Amino acid sequence: VEALLNLVRSHKSLELRQTLTQNLLRDGLRPFVLDIVVPLNRAIGNAWVRGEIAVFEEHLYTEQMQGLLRNAIASIQLRGHSPRVLLTTLPGELHGMGLLMAEALLTLEGVYCVPLGIETPAADIVAAALAHDVDIVTISFSSAFPARLATGSIRELREMLPARIALWVGGDAMLRARTPGEGVEVLRGLEQIITALGEWRARLSAVSYTHLRAH
């Protein structure tokens, strides 16, 4: 991570992209996301706060990483289509890297993803969830988003969504936010999205088994 951060600081964009691509091809997408992208994003954010990198350097890194993740996601052969997961951020949240990382992990697990990008109003999230018949809505909050506002916004969205649609929320802001309440799955780390997915599928299997036995 420190070596990659130095490439950002020294403006070696081509070398940075080549190194990231080599790591992705060597390690595979899931280890790349969890072991490289997560700590590197945190290091970039901390360096920016300390004034060690400029805004343009952070933006250039973000564009390169997002392009790399999008290409990796597009190359995955879908193995299934369940569940259907919508991913977005609420108005005021401009950071979409967390969404891409979540989409990468979910796509590897055979999930059908509906990515809406950033800053989708709550009413439009609900409309898109119904139009695409999704099972889960996933919202990401970066560390820059006010924790109190995140909690309130999630509570409002939960009330607007049908009860059958699960609501998952994650990101650094949720580490310091109050629990939004019932009906909301709070992911305290990116790796927990795989755990939550397994639990969702287990519940679905249990319901299906009970339904079959009843008939």
Protein backbone atom coordinates (compact mmCIF):
# COMPACT_ATOMS: atom_id res chain seq x y z
CA VAL A 1 0.00 0.00 0.00
CA GLU A 2 2.79 2.43 0.86
CA ALA A 3 4.50 1.72 -2.47
CA LEU A 4 1.27 2.39 -4.34
CA LEU A 5 0.70 5.59 -2.35
CA ASN A 6 4.18 6.77 -3.33
CA LEU A 7 3.27 6.27 -6.99
CA VAL A 8 0.27 8.56 -6.47
CA ARG A 9 2.44 11.18 -4.76
CA SER A 10 5.08 11.07 -7.51
CA HIS A 11 2.50 11.36 -10.34
CA LYS A 12 3.53 8.05 -11.92
CA SER A 13 0.06 7.35 -13.28
CA LEU A 14 1.04 4.79 -15.88
CA GLU A 15 3.18 2.84 -13.43
CA LEU A 16 0.37 3.00 -10.87
CA ARG A 17 -2.16 1.56 -13.31
CA GLN A 18 0.25 -1.17 -14.43
CA THR A 19 1.03 -2.15 -10.84
CA LEU A 20 -2.63 -2.23 -9.85
CA THR A 21 -3.49 -4.32 -12.92
CA GLN A 22 -0.69 -6.77 -12.15
CA ASN A 23 -1.92 -7.13 -8.56
CA LEU A 24 -5.47 -7.72 -9.79
CA LEU A 25 -4.41 -10.40 -12.28
CA ARG A 26 -2.12 -12.07 -9.76
CA ASP A 27 -4.41 -12.10 -6.74
CA GLY A 28 -7.91 -12.22 -8.26
CA LEU A 29 -10.68 -9.67 -7.80
CA ARG A 30 -11.86 -10.50 -4.29
CA PRO A 31 -8.40 -10.43 -2.59
CA PHE A 32 -7.53 -7.37 -4.68
CA VAL A 33 -10.57 -5.49 -3.37
CA LEU A 34 -10.27 -6.55 0.27
CA ASP A 35 -6.49 -6.60 0.69
CA ILE A 36 -5.38 -3.77 -1.60
CA VAL A 37 -8.20 -1.40 -2.52
CA VAL A 38 -9.69 -1.11 0.99
CA PRO A 39 -6.42 -0.20 2.80
CA LEU A 40 -5.18 1.88 -0.13
CA ASN A 41 -8.38 3.96 -0.17
CA ARG A 42 -7.98 4.56 3.56
CA ALA A 43 -4.32 5.53 3.10
CA ILE A 44 -5.23 7.93 0.28
CA GLY A 45 -7.94 9.53 2.41
CA ASN A 46 -5.63 9.94 5.41
CA ALA A 47 -2.87 11.39 3.22
CA TRP A 48 -5.32 13.92 1.79
CA VAL A 49 -6.47 14.96 5.28
CA ARG A 50 -2.84 15.49 6.30
CA GLY A 51 -2.18 17.55 3.19
CA GLU A 52 0.31 15.03 1.79
CA ILE A 53 -1.50 14.66 -1.53
CA ALA A 54 -3.44 17.22 -3.55
CA VAL A 55 -7.08 17.04 -4.59
CA PHE A 56 -6.12 16.40 -8.22
CA GLU A 57 -3.91 13.48 -7.18
CA GLU A 58 -6.76 11.91 -5.21
CA HIS A 59 -9.14 12.44 -8.15
CA LEU A 60 -6.72 10.88 -10.62
CA TYR A 61 -6.25 7.84 -8.39
CA THR A 62 -10.01 7.47 -7.97
CA GLU A 63 -10.63 7.60 -11.72
CA GLN A 64 -7.95 5.00 -12.39
CA MET A 65 -9.21 2.64 -9.70
CA GLN A 66 -12.84 3.00 -10.72
CA GLY A 67 -11.94 2.28 -14.35
CA LEU A 68 -10.00 -0.82 -13.31
CA LEU A 69 -12.85 -2.12 -11.15
CA ARG A 70 -15.48 -1.46 -13.83
CA ASN A 71 -13.46 -3.40 -16.40
CA ALA A 72 -12.98 -6.28 -13.96
CA ILE A 73 -16.72 -6.40 -13.19
CA ALA A 74 -17.61 -6.33 -16.90
CA SER A 75 -15.33 -9.32 -17.53
CA ILE A 76 -17.11 -11.59 -15.03
CA GLN A 77 -19.34 -14.30 -16.48
CA LEU A 78 -22.56 -14.15 -14.48
CA ARG A 79 -23.33 -17.51 -12.85
CA GLY A 80 -26.72 -16.58 -11.47
CA HIS A 81 -29.25 -13.82 -11.10
CA SER A 82 -30.24 -13.95 -7.43
CA PRO A 83 -30.59 -11.89 -5.46
CA ARG A 84 -31.11 -8.69 -7.43
CA VAL A 85 -29.29 -5.85 -5.67
CA LEU A 86 -29.57 -2.11 -6.34
CA LEU A 87 -26.51 -0.04 -5.37
CA THR A 88 -26.35 3.73 -4.97
CA THR A 89 -25.69 6.67 -2.63
CA LEU A 90 -28.10 9.29 -1.35
CA PRO A 91 -27.94 13.00 -2.29
CA GLY A 92 -24.89 14.66 -0.76
CA GLU A 93 -22.71 11.53 -1.01
CA LEU A 94 -20.33 12.05 -3.93
CA HIS A 95 -18.06 9.06 -3.33
CA GLY A 96 -18.86 5.99 -5.39
CA MET A 97 -15.79 3.82 -4.79
CA GLY A 98 -17.51 1.84 -2.04
CA LEU A 99 -20.34 0.98 -4.43
CA LEU A 100 -17.93 -0.37 -7.02
CA MET A 101 -16.09 -2.49 -4.49
CA ALA A 102 -19.39 -3.90 -3.23
CA GLU A 103 -20.57 -4.54 -6.79
CA ALA A 104 -17.33 -6.40 -7.57
CA LEU A 105 -17.72 -8.72 -4.58
CA LEU A 106 -21.42 -9.32 -5.21
CA THR A 107 -20.95 -10.00 -8.92
CA LEU A 108 -18.36 -12.64 -8.07
CA GLU A 109 -21.04 -14.31 -5.94
CA GLY A 110 -23.49 -14.52 -8.84
CA VAL A 111 -25.60 -11.54 -7.78
CA TYR A 112 -27.46 -9.49 -10.40
CA CYS A 113 -26.45 -5.88 -9.66
CA VAL A 114 -28.35 -2.73 -10.62
CA PRO A 115 -25.82 0.12 -10.16
CA LEU A 116 -27.37 3.61 -10.15
CA GLY A 117 -24.19 5.55 -9.41
CA ILE A 118 -24.19 8.33 -6.84
CA GLU A 119 -26.69 10.81 -5.36
CA THR A 120 -30.00 9.15 -6.14
CA PRO A 121 -33.00 10.75 -4.39
CA ALA A 122 -34.90 8.39 -2.09
CA ALA A 123 -38.06 8.51 -4.21
CA ASP A 124 -36.06 7.47 -7.28
CA ILE A 125 -34.38 4.66 -5.36
CA VAL A 126 -37.79 3.28 -4.48
CA ALA A 127 -39.02 3.67 -8.07
CA ALA A 128 -35.93 1.93 -9.46
CA ALA A 129 -36.17 -0.87 -6.88
CA LEU A 130 -39.76 -1.57 -7.93
CA ALA A 131 -39.06 -1.23 -11.66
CA HIS A 132 -36.15 -3.68 -11.50
CA ASP A 133 -37.86 -5.98 -8.98
CA VAL A 134 -34.83 -5.95 -6.69
CA ASP A 135 -34.52 -7.95 -3.49
CA ILE A 136 -31.99 -5.71 -1.75
CA VAL A 137 -31.09 -2.00 -1.80
CA THR A 138 -27.51 -1.20 -0.78
CA ILE A 139 -26.49 2.33 0.24
CA SER A 140 -22.91 3.50 0.80
CA PHE A 141 -21.72 6.37 3.01
CA SER A 142 -18.13 7.61 3.00
CA SER A 143 -16.36 9.05 6.04
CA ALA A 144 -17.15 12.56 4.75
CA PHE A 145 -20.92 12.06 5.14
CA PRO A 146 -22.43 13.32 8.45
CA ALA A 147 -23.29 10.30 10.59
CA ARG A 148 -26.48 11.81 12.03
CA LEU A 149 -27.76 12.66 8.56
CA ALA A 150 -26.94 9.13 7.37
CA THR A 151 -29.03 7.59 10.15
CA GLY A 152 -32.01 9.85 9.51
CA SER A 153 -31.88 9.35 5.74
CA ILE A 154 -31.77 5.57 6.07
CA ARG A 155 -34.74 5.56 8.43
CA GLU A 156 -36.76 7.58 5.90
CA LEU A 157 -35.74 5.29 3.04
CA ARG A 158 -36.66 2.19 5.05
CA GLU A 159 -40.16 3.59 5.59
CA MET A 160 -40.54 4.24 1.85
CA LEU A 161 -39.35 0.82 0.69
CA PRO A 162 -41.67 -2.20 0.69
CA ALA A 163 -40.98 -4.51 3.63
CA ARG A 164 -40.03 -7.36 1.27
CA ILE A 165 -36.99 -5.39 0.01
CA ALA A 166 -33.99 -5.67 2.32
CA LEU A 167 -31.95 -2.54 3.03
CA TRP A 168 -28.18 -2.81 3.53
CA VAL A 169 -26.02 0.18 4.47
CA GLY A 170 -22.26 0.43 4.80
CA GLY A 171 -19.25 2.69 4.60
CA ASP A 172 -17.06 4.52 7.09
CA ALA A 173 -19.82 6.94 8.17
CA MET A 174 -21.81 4.00 9.54
CA LEU A 175 -18.98 3.12 11.91
CA ARG A 176 -19.86 6.17 14.01
CA ALA A 177 -23.59 6.43 13.21
CA ARG A 178 -26.41 5.28 15.43
CA THR A 179 -28.22 2.10 14.44
CA PRO A 180 -30.96 3.11 12.00
CA GLY A 181 -33.45 0.67 13.53
CA GLU A 182 -35.25 -2.48 12.51
CA GLY A 183 -35.26 -3.63 8.93
CA VAL A 184 -31.79 -2.27 8.17
CA GLU A 185 -28.64 -4.42 7.85
CA VAL A 186 -25.60 -2.35 8.86
CA LEU A 187 -22.37 -3.64 7.31
CA ARG A 188 -19.43 -2.63 9.51
CA GLY A 189 -16.87 -3.70 6.91
CA LEU A 190 -16.85 -4.49 3.22
CA GLU A 191 -16.18 -8.18 3.84
CA GLN A 192 -19.46 -8.38 5.78
CA ILE A 193 -21.38 -8.01 2.54
CA ILE A 194 -20.52 -11.65 1.73
CA THR A 195 -21.73 -12.74 5.18
CA ALA A 196 -24.96 -10.79 4.73
CA LEU A 197 -25.45 -12.36 1.31
CA GLY A 198 -25.02 -15.85 2.72
CA GLU A 199 -27.53 -15.13 5.48
CA TRP A 200 -30.04 -13.73 2.97
CA ARG A 201 -29.75 -16.84 0.80
CA ALA A 202 -30.06 -19.10 3.84
CA ARG A 203 -33.28 -17.37 4.89
CA LEU A 204 -34.65 -17.67 1.36
CA SER A 205 -33.83 -21.39 1.30
CA ALA A 206 -35.51 -21.90 4.67
CA VAL A 207 -38.66 -20.10 3.50
CA SER A 208 -38.72 -22.10 0.26
CA TYR A 209 -38.29 -25.38 2.16
CA THR A 210 -41.09 -24.49 4.58
CA HIS A 211 -43.36 -23.58 1.67
CA LEU A 212 -42.66 -26.89 -0.09
CA ARG A 213 -43.36 -28.91 3.06
CA ALA A 214 -46.63 -27.04 3.55
CA HIS A 215 -47.76 -28.17 0.11
